[in-house]
Amino acid sequence: MTLPHDAETAAPESGSGRSPAGPGGAGSVPGRSPQGAERTAAAPSGPGHRSAPEETPRRAPGPGEATAPTEAPVTGPTPKPAKPAAGVRRGRKALWLTLALLTTLLLLALISAGTGAYRIPTADVLASVQYRLGLGGAPLDRVGESVLWNVRLPRVVLALLVGASLGCAGALMQGVFGNPLAEPGVIGISAGAAVGAVAAIGLGLSFFGNWTITVCAFVAGLITVSSVYLLSRNGGKTEVVTLILTGIAVNAFAGALIGLFVFFADSGQVNQITFWQLGSLAQATWPKVLAVLPCAVAGLLVAPFYARRLDLLALGERPARHLGIDVERLRLALILVVALLTAAAVAVAGVITFIGLLVPHLLRMANGPGHRFLVPGSALAGAVVLVAGDLAARTLAQPAELPLGVLTALIGSPFFFWLLRRTRRKQGGWA
């Protein structure tokens, strides 16, 4: 019979792709044309008619079958554990730096308390301190106790407070101005505060008792920092050149005013004014420590609360405003804190420059620009630097004593010159 053969040959010509076996198509496989096979493979299948290639990845592989490439086990070396994030590393580094600064400050304080014309061993210093605190120990002889508690320790505590105030003020000023060259001494705030203190001495003012010099220094420092802030801004930003030129002008004007007070002062007042100009801790007493303590402690406690906002301000004024920071209010508050810290330092130690410039930069090089560590760290490092500087001023030229402000200027001036050239090179010039 030829009917089956005619049916098989007729199927491809019809273009239906079906065999006489019906919808299942099982009997059409041997005689199906390539075109029909392509149409059958391309046609979508229902849930009950899935093709073998779709179901193959879902079943478990047989004993002799290989698994899919995506399921193959990793045969390479074991991956190394991930390194800690940058923030975690920086936090650990900040902790170690803090511990190192605290240890250094404690050692320097003990050495400074025992070093001088009357030598006191460190063990005796510790024993006397323990005895005064009621923790055992033993007192020194009468001369040793008087030298330690009436001369040395007031000077060490005052150096700690002044150094911490200047270091913290420098970090705050650089954050407020957004400028690494800002510093209370460089831009004239220390000189302006000194004018207030010298005016109180030259005019014999005493309306606030022991607080008179501090109040006058604070008011003069506030006026100075406000003037510098207003004069150094142009187009909504603070320019480096304008900032430095304003500082030069303010320092010159303050020096002229101090010279005028010296001209009209008597011999006793001239000695006091010279002390303010050169900077020194030679006249440190416990009443002076108590006079400066509230201002310094208040400023040092308030400053760290502005660290996060200073980080946001470092992004720029416009981004800081978009992030919810009242920029002008923040600057005004920090200017008041800077004036308070600077006035506290100048009122008892005179003009001591470059601490607020040197310390924050060293900490930025060590741990980056984040203010959460930079602000309190600058206070701690400033205390370390000034305690060490006062120890050097007392011992380098014995039996004479070098002015502390002169010593810090001799060390800080070359650093400022290097920083100025580095900043200019990074910005490609001032023009």
Protein backbone atom coordinates (compact mmCIF):
# COMPACT_ATOMS: atom_id res chain seq x y z
CA MET A 1 0.00 0.00 0.00
CA THR A 2 1.22 3.50 -0.74
CA LEU A 3 -1.15 5.44 1.51
CA PRO A 4 1.22 5.74 4.46
CA HIS A 5 4.00 6.91 2.19
CA ASP A 6 1.70 9.51 0.61
CA ALA A 7 0.61 10.74 4.04
CA GLU A 8 4.20 11.09 5.22
CA THR A 9 5.25 13.02 2.14
CA ALA A 10 2.19 15.22 2.27
CA ALA A 11 2.85 16.42 5.83
CA PRO A 12 5.78 18.71 5.06
CA GLU A 13 4.00 20.21 2.12
CA SER A 14 1.01 21.19 4.23
CA GLY A 15 3.25 23.27 6.53
CA SER A 16 1.32 22.18 9.63
CA GLY A 17 4.21 20.34 11.27
CA ARG A 18 1.79 17.66 12.59
CA SER A 19 1.85 13.91 11.90
CA PRO A 20 -1.21 11.70 11.60
CA ALA A 21 -0.56 10.51 15.13
CA GLY A 22 -2.51 13.55 16.47
CA PRO A 23 -1.70 16.34 18.93
CA GLY A 24 0.77 14.30 20.93
CA GLY A 25 3.15 14.14 17.93
CA ALA A 26 4.81 10.96 19.22
CA GLY A 27 4.44 9.11 16.01
CA SER A 28 5.76 11.95 13.86
CA VAL A 29 9.33 12.08 15.13
CA PRO A 30 10.93 9.77 12.56
CA GLY A 31 9.46 11.51 9.53
CA ARG A 32 9.43 15.14 10.77
CA SER A 33 11.10 17.79 8.62
CA PRO A 34 13.76 20.19 10.04
CA GLN A 35 11.38 23.15 9.64
CA GLY A 36 8.73 21.38 11.65
CA ALA A 37 11.26 20.55 14.36
CA GLU A 38 12.30 24.20 14.63
CA ARG A 39 8.67 25.31 14.95
CA THR A 40 8.02 22.69 17.58
CA ALA A 41 11.07 23.74 19.65
CA ALA A 42 10.19 27.43 19.40
CA ALA A 43 6.53 26.99 20.33
CA PRO A 44 5.75 27.82 24.01
CA SER A 45 4.83 24.82 26.06
CA GLY A 46 2.25 24.72 28.80
CA PRO A 47 2.77 23.63 32.38
CA GLY A 48 2.01 20.04 31.47
CA HIS A 49 4.11 19.92 28.34
CA ARG A 50 7.60 21.13 29.41
CA SER A 51 10.45 20.07 27.24
CA ALA A 52 13.42 18.09 28.48
CA PRO A 53 15.97 20.95 28.35
CA GLU A 54 13.84 22.99 30.78
CA GLU A 55 13.55 20.16 33.30
CA THR A 56 17.14 18.93 33.19
CA PRO A 57 18.69 21.58 35.58
CA ARG A 58 15.98 20.86 38.15
CA ARG A 59 16.73 17.15 38.63
CA ALA A 60 19.65 15.78 40.59
CA PRO A 61 22.65 14.70 38.52
CA GLY A 62 23.14 11.02 37.92
CA PRO A 63 26.17 9.04 38.98
CA GLY A 64 27.97 9.61 35.70
CA GLU A 65 26.79 13.16 35.03
CA ALA A 66 28.69 16.35 35.77
CA THR A 67 27.10 19.18 37.65
CA ALA A 68 26.46 22.60 36.13
CA PRO A 69 29.38 25.02 36.02
CA THR A 70 27.68 27.38 38.46
CA GLU A 71 27.40 24.60 41.04
CA ALA A 72 31.00 23.45 40.78
CA PRO A 73 32.97 23.71 44.06
CA VAL A 74 35.61 26.41 44.42
CA THR A 75 39.01 24.84 43.89
CA GLY A 76 41.13 27.99 44.22
CA PRO A 77 42.96 29.21 47.34
CA THR A 78 40.96 30.14 50.42
CA PRO A 79 40.14 33.88 50.32
CA LYS A 80 41.89 36.03 52.89
CA PRO A 81 39.74 37.65 55.59
CA ALA A 82 38.68 41.18 54.75
CA LYS A 83 40.69 44.00 56.29
CA PRO A 84 38.97 46.27 58.80
CA ALA A 85 37.21 49.27 57.35
CA ALA A 86 39.06 52.58 57.18
CA GLY A 87 36.88 54.05 59.91
CA VAL A 88 37.65 51.16 62.26
CA ARG A 89 41.39 51.46 61.62
CA ARG A 90 41.27 55.20 62.17
CA GLY A 91 39.34 54.71 65.41
CA ARG A 92 41.94 52.27 66.71
CA LYS A 93 44.73 54.64 65.71
CA ALA A 94 42.99 57.52 67.49
CA LEU A 95 42.72 55.40 70.64
CA TRP A 96 46.42 54.55 70.56
CA LEU A 97 47.36 58.17 69.92
CA THR A 98 45.21 59.29 72.85
CA LEU A 99 46.83 56.78 75.17
CA ALA A 100 50.30 57.81 73.96
CA LEU A 101 49.55 61.50 74.52
CA LEU A 102 48.15 60.85 77.99
CA THR A 103 51.20 58.81 78.96
CA THR A 104 53.57 61.43 77.57
CA LEU A 105 51.75 64.22 79.40
CA LEU A 106 51.90 62.37 82.70
CA LEU A 107 55.62 61.67 82.35
CA LEU A 108 56.40 65.25 81.32
CA ALA A 109 54.38 66.62 84.24
CA LEU A 110 56.30 64.46 86.71
CA ILE A 111 59.67 65.39 85.18
CA SER A 112 58.80 69.09 85.07
CA ALA A 113 57.62 69.07 88.69
CA GLY A 114 60.95 67.68 89.85
CA THR A 115 63.34 69.58 87.55
CA GLY A 116 64.84 72.94 88.42
CA ALA A 117 67.37 74.64 90.65
CA TYR A 118 66.06 72.55 93.55
CA ARG A 119 66.05 68.96 92.31
CA ILE A 120 63.22 66.68 93.52
CA PRO A 121 63.31 62.99 92.53
CA THR A 122 60.27 61.68 90.69
CA ALA A 123 59.59 59.11 93.42
CA ASP A 124 59.47 61.89 96.03
CA VAL A 125 57.07 63.90 93.85
CA LEU A 126 54.72 60.92 93.64
CA ALA A 127 55.01 60.28 97.37
CA SER A 128 54.15 63.91 98.18
CA VAL A 129 51.16 63.89 95.82
CA GLN A 130 49.90 60.64 97.36
CA TYR A 131 50.29 62.12 100.83
CA ARG A 132 48.29 65.23 99.91
CA LEU A 133 45.55 63.05 98.39
CA GLY A 134 45.37 60.82 101.46
CA LEU A 135 46.58 57.75 99.57
CA GLY A 136 49.67 57.04 101.66
CA GLY A 137 53.07 58.28 100.62
CA ALA A 138 55.16 60.70 102.66
CA PRO A 139 55.68 64.47 102.68
CA LEU A 140 58.93 66.11 101.65
CA ASP A 141 60.95 68.40 103.89
CA ARG A 142 59.72 71.94 104.41
CA VAL A 143 61.69 73.45 101.53
CA GLY A 144 60.82 70.63 99.15
CA GLU A 145 57.09 70.85 99.93
CA SER A 146 57.12 74.61 99.43
CA VAL A 147 58.98 74.41 96.11
CA LEU A 148 56.81 71.59 94.80
CA TRP A 149 53.39 72.89 95.81
CA ASN A 150 53.88 76.65 95.61
CA VAL A 151 56.18 76.97 92.57
CA ARG A 152 56.38 73.85 90.41
CA LEU A 153 52.89 72.33 90.40
CA PRO A 154 51.03 75.63 89.77
CA ARG A 155 53.31 76.17 86.80
CA VAL A 156 52.75 72.64 85.45
CA VAL A 157 48.96 72.93 85.82
CA LEU A 158 48.96 76.36 84.20
CA ALA A 159 51.06 75.10 81.28
CA LEU A 160 48.61 72.23 80.86
CA LEU A 161 45.57 74.55 80.80
CA VAL A 162 47.15 77.13 78.50
CA GLY A 163 48.49 74.54 76.07
CA ALA A 164 45.16 72.72 75.93
CA SER A 165 43.30 76.01 75.36
CA LEU A 166 45.59 77.14 72.54
CA GLY A 167 45.65 73.75 70.83
CA CYS A 168 41.87 73.41 70.94
CA ALA A 169 41.37 77.01 69.80
CA GLY A 170 43.63 76.40 66.81
CA ALA A 171 41.70 73.30 65.74
CA LEU A 172 38.38 75.15 66.06
CA MET A 173 39.60 78.16 64.12
CA GLN A 174 40.88 76.06 61.25
CA GLY A 175 37.53 74.30 61.12
CA VAL A 176 35.51 77.53 61.28
CA PHE A 177 37.53 79.32 58.61
CA GLY A 178 38.02 76.16 56.55
CA ASN A 179 41.66 77.14 56.34
CA PRO A 180 44.75 75.26 57.58
CA LEU A 181 46.62 78.53 58.20
CA ALA A 182 44.17 79.92 60.75
CA GLU A 183 45.57 80.22 64.26
CA PRO A 184 44.86 82.65 67.14
CA GLY A 185 48.41 84.05 67.07
CA VAL A 186 48.94 84.19 63.31
CA ILE A 187 45.77 86.14 62.56
CA GLY A 188 46.11 88.48 65.53
CA ILE A 189 43.64 87.17 68.10
CA SER A 190 46.32 86.59 70.73
CA ALA A 191 47.70 90.09 70.17
CA GLY A 192 44.20 91.55 70.37
CA ALA A 193 43.52 89.74 73.64
CA ALA A 194 46.89 90.93 74.93
CA VAL A 195 45.83 94.52 74.22
CA GLY A 196 42.87 94.04 76.53
CA ALA A 197 45.06 92.59 79.27
CA VAL A 198 47.69 95.35 78.85
CA ALA A 199 44.97 98.01 78.93
CA ALA A 200 43.70 96.61 82.22
CA ILE A 201 47.25 96.75 83.63
CA GLY A 202 48.16 100.18 82.23
CA LEU A 203 44.89 101.81 83.30
CA GLY A 204 44.86 100.11 86.68
CA LEU A 205 41.44 98.55 86.16
CA SER A 206 40.11 96.30 88.92
CA PHE A 207 36.32 96.35 88.60
CA PHE A 208 36.15 92.51 88.45
CA GLY A 209 38.85 91.78 91.00
CA ASN A 210 41.06 88.88 89.92
CA TRP A 211 38.86 88.45 86.84
CA THR A 212 39.50 91.94 85.47
CA ILE A 213 42.42 91.03 83.20
CA THR A 214 40.62 87.91 81.97
CA VAL A 215 37.43 89.83 81.17
CA CYS A 216 39.31 92.57 79.33
CA ALA A 217 41.33 90.01 77.38
CA PHE A 218 38.14 88.14 76.47
CA VAL A 219 36.35 91.26 75.20
CA ALA A 220 39.37 92.40 73.19
CA GLY A 221 39.86 88.90 71.75
CA LEU A 222 36.19 88.71 70.78
CA ILE A 223 36.38 92.05 68.98
CA THR A 224 39.54 90.95 67.19
CA VAL A 225 38.24 87.58 66.01
CA SER A 226 34.99 89.16 64.81
CA SER A 227 36.92 91.76 62.81
CA VAL A 228 39.18 89.12 61.27
CA TYR A 229 36.17 86.97 60.35
CA LEU A 230 34.34 89.81 58.64
CA LEU A 231 37.37 91.21 56.81
CA SER A 232 38.65 87.86 55.51
CA ARG A 233 35.41 86.77 53.82
CA ASN A 234 34.76 87.51 50.19
CA GLY A 235 31.98 86.04 48.08
CA GLY A 236 30.82 83.73 50.85
CA LYS A 237 34.24 82.15 51.50
CA THR A 238 37.38 82.89 53.44
CA GLU A 239 40.45 83.68 51.34
CA VAL A 240 43.91 82.62 52.49
CA VAL A 241 45.66 85.79 51.41
CA THR A 242 43.05 88.05 52.98
CA LEU A 243 43.22 86.05 56.19
CA ILE A 244 46.99 86.38 56.50
CA LEU A 245 47.05 90.06 55.51
CA THR A 246 44.31 90.78 58.02
CA GLY A 247 46.36 89.02 60.69
CA ILE A 248 49.41 91.10 59.79
CA ALA A 249 47.40 94.31 60.05
CA VAL A 250 45.81 93.30 63.37
CA ASN A 251 49.16 92.28 64.86
CA ALA A 252 50.71 95.59 63.78
CA PHE A 253 47.83 97.61 65.22
CA ALA A 254 47.89 95.63 68.47
CA GLY A 255 51.64 96.11 68.75
CA ALA A 256 51.19 99.87 68.33
CA LEU A 257 48.57 99.96 71.08
CA ILE A 258 50.78 97.93 73.42
CA GLY A 259 53.68 100.30 72.69
CA LEU A 260 51.43 103.24 73.50
CA PHE A 261 50.53 101.75 76.88
CA VAL A 262 54.21 101.07 77.57
CA PHE A 263 55.01 104.71 76.81
CA PHE A 264 52.54 105.98 79.41
CA ALA A 265 53.15 103.24 82.02
CA ASP A 266 55.38 103.42 85.07
CA SER A 267 58.28 101.04 85.70
CA GLY A 268 56.20 98.42 87.51
CA GLN A 269 53.58 98.38 84.80
CA VAL A 270 56.28 98.18 82.10
CA ASN A 271 57.58 94.95 83.63
CA GLN A 272 54.09 93.46 83.61
CA ILE A 273 53.44 94.56 80.03
CA THR A 274 56.77 93.07 78.89
CA PHE A 275 55.65 89.81 80.45
CA TRP A 276 52.50 89.83 78.33
CA GLN A 277 54.43 90.60 75.16
CA LEU A 278 57.00 87.81 75.53
CA GLY A 279 54.82 85.15 77.10
CA SER A 280 55.89 83.28 80.20
CA LEU A 281 54.65 81.08 83.03
CA ALA A 282 57.19 82.38 85.55
CA GLN A 283 54.54 84.12 87.66
CA ALA A 284 52.27 81.09 87.96
CA THR A 285 50.38 80.83 91.23
CA TRP A 286 47.33 78.91 92.41
CA PRO A 287 45.11 82.04 92.33
CA LYS A 288 46.00 82.49 88.64
CA VAL A 289 45.21 78.84 88.00
CA LEU A 290 41.83 79.28 89.68
CA ALA A 291 41.19 82.49 87.71
CA VAL A 292 41.73 80.83 84.33
CA LEU A 293 40.33 77.40 85.21
CA PRO A 294 36.58 78.12 84.64
CA CYS A 295 37.13 79.72 81.20
CA ALA A 296 39.50 77.01 80.01
CA VAL A 297 37.41 74.11 81.31
CA ALA A 298 34.18 75.57 79.90
CA GLY A 299 35.70 76.03 76.45
CA LEU A 300 37.37 72.61 76.45
CA LEU A 301 34.14 70.85 77.49
CA VAL A 302 31.96 72.65 74.93
CA ALA A 303 34.30 72.32 71.93
CA PRO A 304 33.99 68.54 71.28
CA PHE A 305 30.19 68.84 70.92
CA TYR A 306 30.76 70.79 67.67
CA ALA A 307 33.05 68.17 66.12
CA ARG A 308 30.40 66.51 63.93
CA ARG A 309 29.11 69.85 62.65
CA LEU A 310 32.66 70.91 61.82
CA ASP A 311 33.03 67.73 59.74
CA LEU A 312 29.89 68.68 57.83
CA LEU A 313 31.10 72.27 57.43
CA ALA A 314 34.31 70.93 55.88
CA LEU A 315 32.19 69.71 52.94
CA GLY A 316 31.37 73.34 52.10
CA GLU A 317 28.81 75.87 53.24
CA ARG A 318 26.10 74.86 50.77
CA PRO A 319 26.28 71.09 51.47
CA ALA A 320 26.34 71.82 55.21
CA ARG A 321 23.17 73.89 54.90
CA HIS A 322 21.47 71.13 52.93
CA LEU A 323 22.40 68.73 55.74
CA GLY A 324 20.66 70.91 58.31
CA ILE A 325 23.56 72.98 59.68
CA ASP A 326 22.95 76.64 60.50
CA VAL A 327 26.38 77.77 59.28
CA GLU A 328 26.32 81.34 60.57
CA ARG A 329 25.04 80.29 63.97
CA LEU A 330 27.70 77.57 64.17
CA ARG A 331 30.45 80.03 63.27
CA LEU A 332 29.25 82.57 65.81
CA ALA A 333 29.17 79.96 68.59
CA LEU A 334 32.64 78.67 67.76
CA ILE A 335 34.06 82.17 67.52
CA LEU A 336 32.84 82.77 71.07
CA VAL A 337 34.48 79.53 72.21
CA VAL A 338 37.76 80.44 70.49
CA ALA A 339 37.73 83.90 72.07
CA LEU A 340 37.07 82.35 75.49
CA LEU A 341 39.94 79.86 75.17
CA THR A 342 42.36 82.44 73.78
CA ALA A 343 41.49 84.99 76.45
CA ALA A 344 41.99 82.39 79.16
CA ALA A 345 45.45 81.58 77.82
CA VAL A 346 46.57 85.17 77.21
CA ALA A 347 45.28 86.44 80.55
CA VAL A 348 47.74 84.29 82.49
CA ALA A 349 50.57 83.51 80.06
CA GLY A 350 50.78 86.41 77.63
CA VAL A 351 51.19 86.00 73.87
CA ILE A 352 52.25 82.44 73.00
CA THR A 353 52.00 81.80 69.28
CA PHE A 354 52.06 78.82 66.89
CA ILE A 355 50.74 76.23 69.35
CA GLY A 356 47.32 76.36 67.68
CA LEU A 357 48.94 76.10 64.24
CA LEU A 358 51.48 73.37 64.89
CA VAL A 359 49.45 70.91 66.97
CA PRO A 360 46.35 70.38 64.74
CA HIS A 361 48.55 69.83 61.67
CA LEU A 362 50.63 67.19 63.38
CA LEU A 363 47.48 65.34 64.40
CA ARG A 364 46.00 65.60 60.89
CA MET A 365 49.15 64.01 59.51
CA ALA A 366 48.86 61.24 62.08
CA ASN A 367 45.13 60.43 61.98
CA GLY A 368 43.35 62.43 59.28
CA PRO A 369 41.07 65.49 59.39
CA GLY A 370 38.13 64.11 61.40
CA HIS A 371 37.23 66.61 64.13
CA ARG A 372 35.87 64.04 66.58
CA PHE A 373 39.46 63.16 67.40
CA LEU A 374 41.12 66.35 66.19
CA VAL A 375 39.43 68.75 68.63
CA PRO A 376 40.05 66.87 71.92
CA GLY A 377 43.32 65.50 70.58
CA SER A 378 44.58 69.02 69.84
CA ALA A 379 43.79 70.03 73.42
CA LEU A 380 45.73 67.06 74.75
CA ALA A 381 48.66 67.51 72.36
CA GLY A 382 48.74 71.26 73.05
CA ALA A 383 49.13 70.52 76.75
CA VAL A 384 51.99 68.13 75.97
CA VAL A 385 53.77 70.67 73.75
CA LEU A 386 53.49 73.55 76.20
CA VAL A 387 54.54 71.51 79.25
CA ALA A 388 57.58 70.37 77.26
CA GLY A 389 58.21 73.94 76.03
CA ASP A 390 58.05 75.37 79.54
CA LEU A 391 60.45 72.70 80.77
CA ALA A 392 62.86 73.62 77.96
CA ALA A 393 62.50 77.35 78.70
CA ARG A 394 63.48 76.74 82.34
CA THR A 395 66.42 74.43 81.69
CA LEU A 396 68.09 75.41 78.39
CA ALA A 397 69.68 78.62 79.69
CA GLN A 398 70.02 77.99 83.43
CA PRO A 399 70.12 79.92 85.69
CA ALA A 400 68.33 82.30 83.32
CA GLU A 401 64.92 81.52 81.88
CA LEU A 402 63.92 81.92 78.25
CA PRO A 403 60.59 83.60 77.45
CA LEU A 404 58.15 80.86 76.50
CA GLY A 405 56.53 82.88 73.70
CA VAL A 406 59.94 83.50 72.11
CA LEU A 407 60.77 79.80 72.23
CA THR A 408 57.49 78.69 70.62
CA ALA A 409 57.91 81.36 67.92
CA LEU A 410 61.44 80.15 67.12
CA ILE A 411 60.12 76.62 66.63
CA GLY A 412 56.79 77.47 65.01
CA SER A 413 57.93 80.06 62.48
CA PRO A 414 59.87 77.63 60.24
CA PHE A 415 56.94 75.23 60.39
CA PHE A 416 54.55 78.01 59.34
CA PHE A 417 56.84 78.95 56.46
CA TRP A 418 56.90 75.34 55.25
CA LEU A 419 53.12 75.09 55.59
CA LEU A 420 52.59 78.33 53.67
CA ARG A 421 54.70 77.13 50.74
CA ARG A 422 53.01 73.72 50.79
CA THR A 423 49.53 75.26 50.70
CA ARG A 424 50.51 77.63 47.90
CA ARG A 425 51.96 74.78 45.86
CA LYS A 426 48.80 72.69 46.26
CA GLN A 427 46.55 75.58 45.20
CA GLY A 428 48.76 76.50 42.25
CA GLY A 429 49.42 80.04 43.52
CA TRP A 430 47.32 82.69 45.19
CA ALA A 431 46.13 84.46 42.04
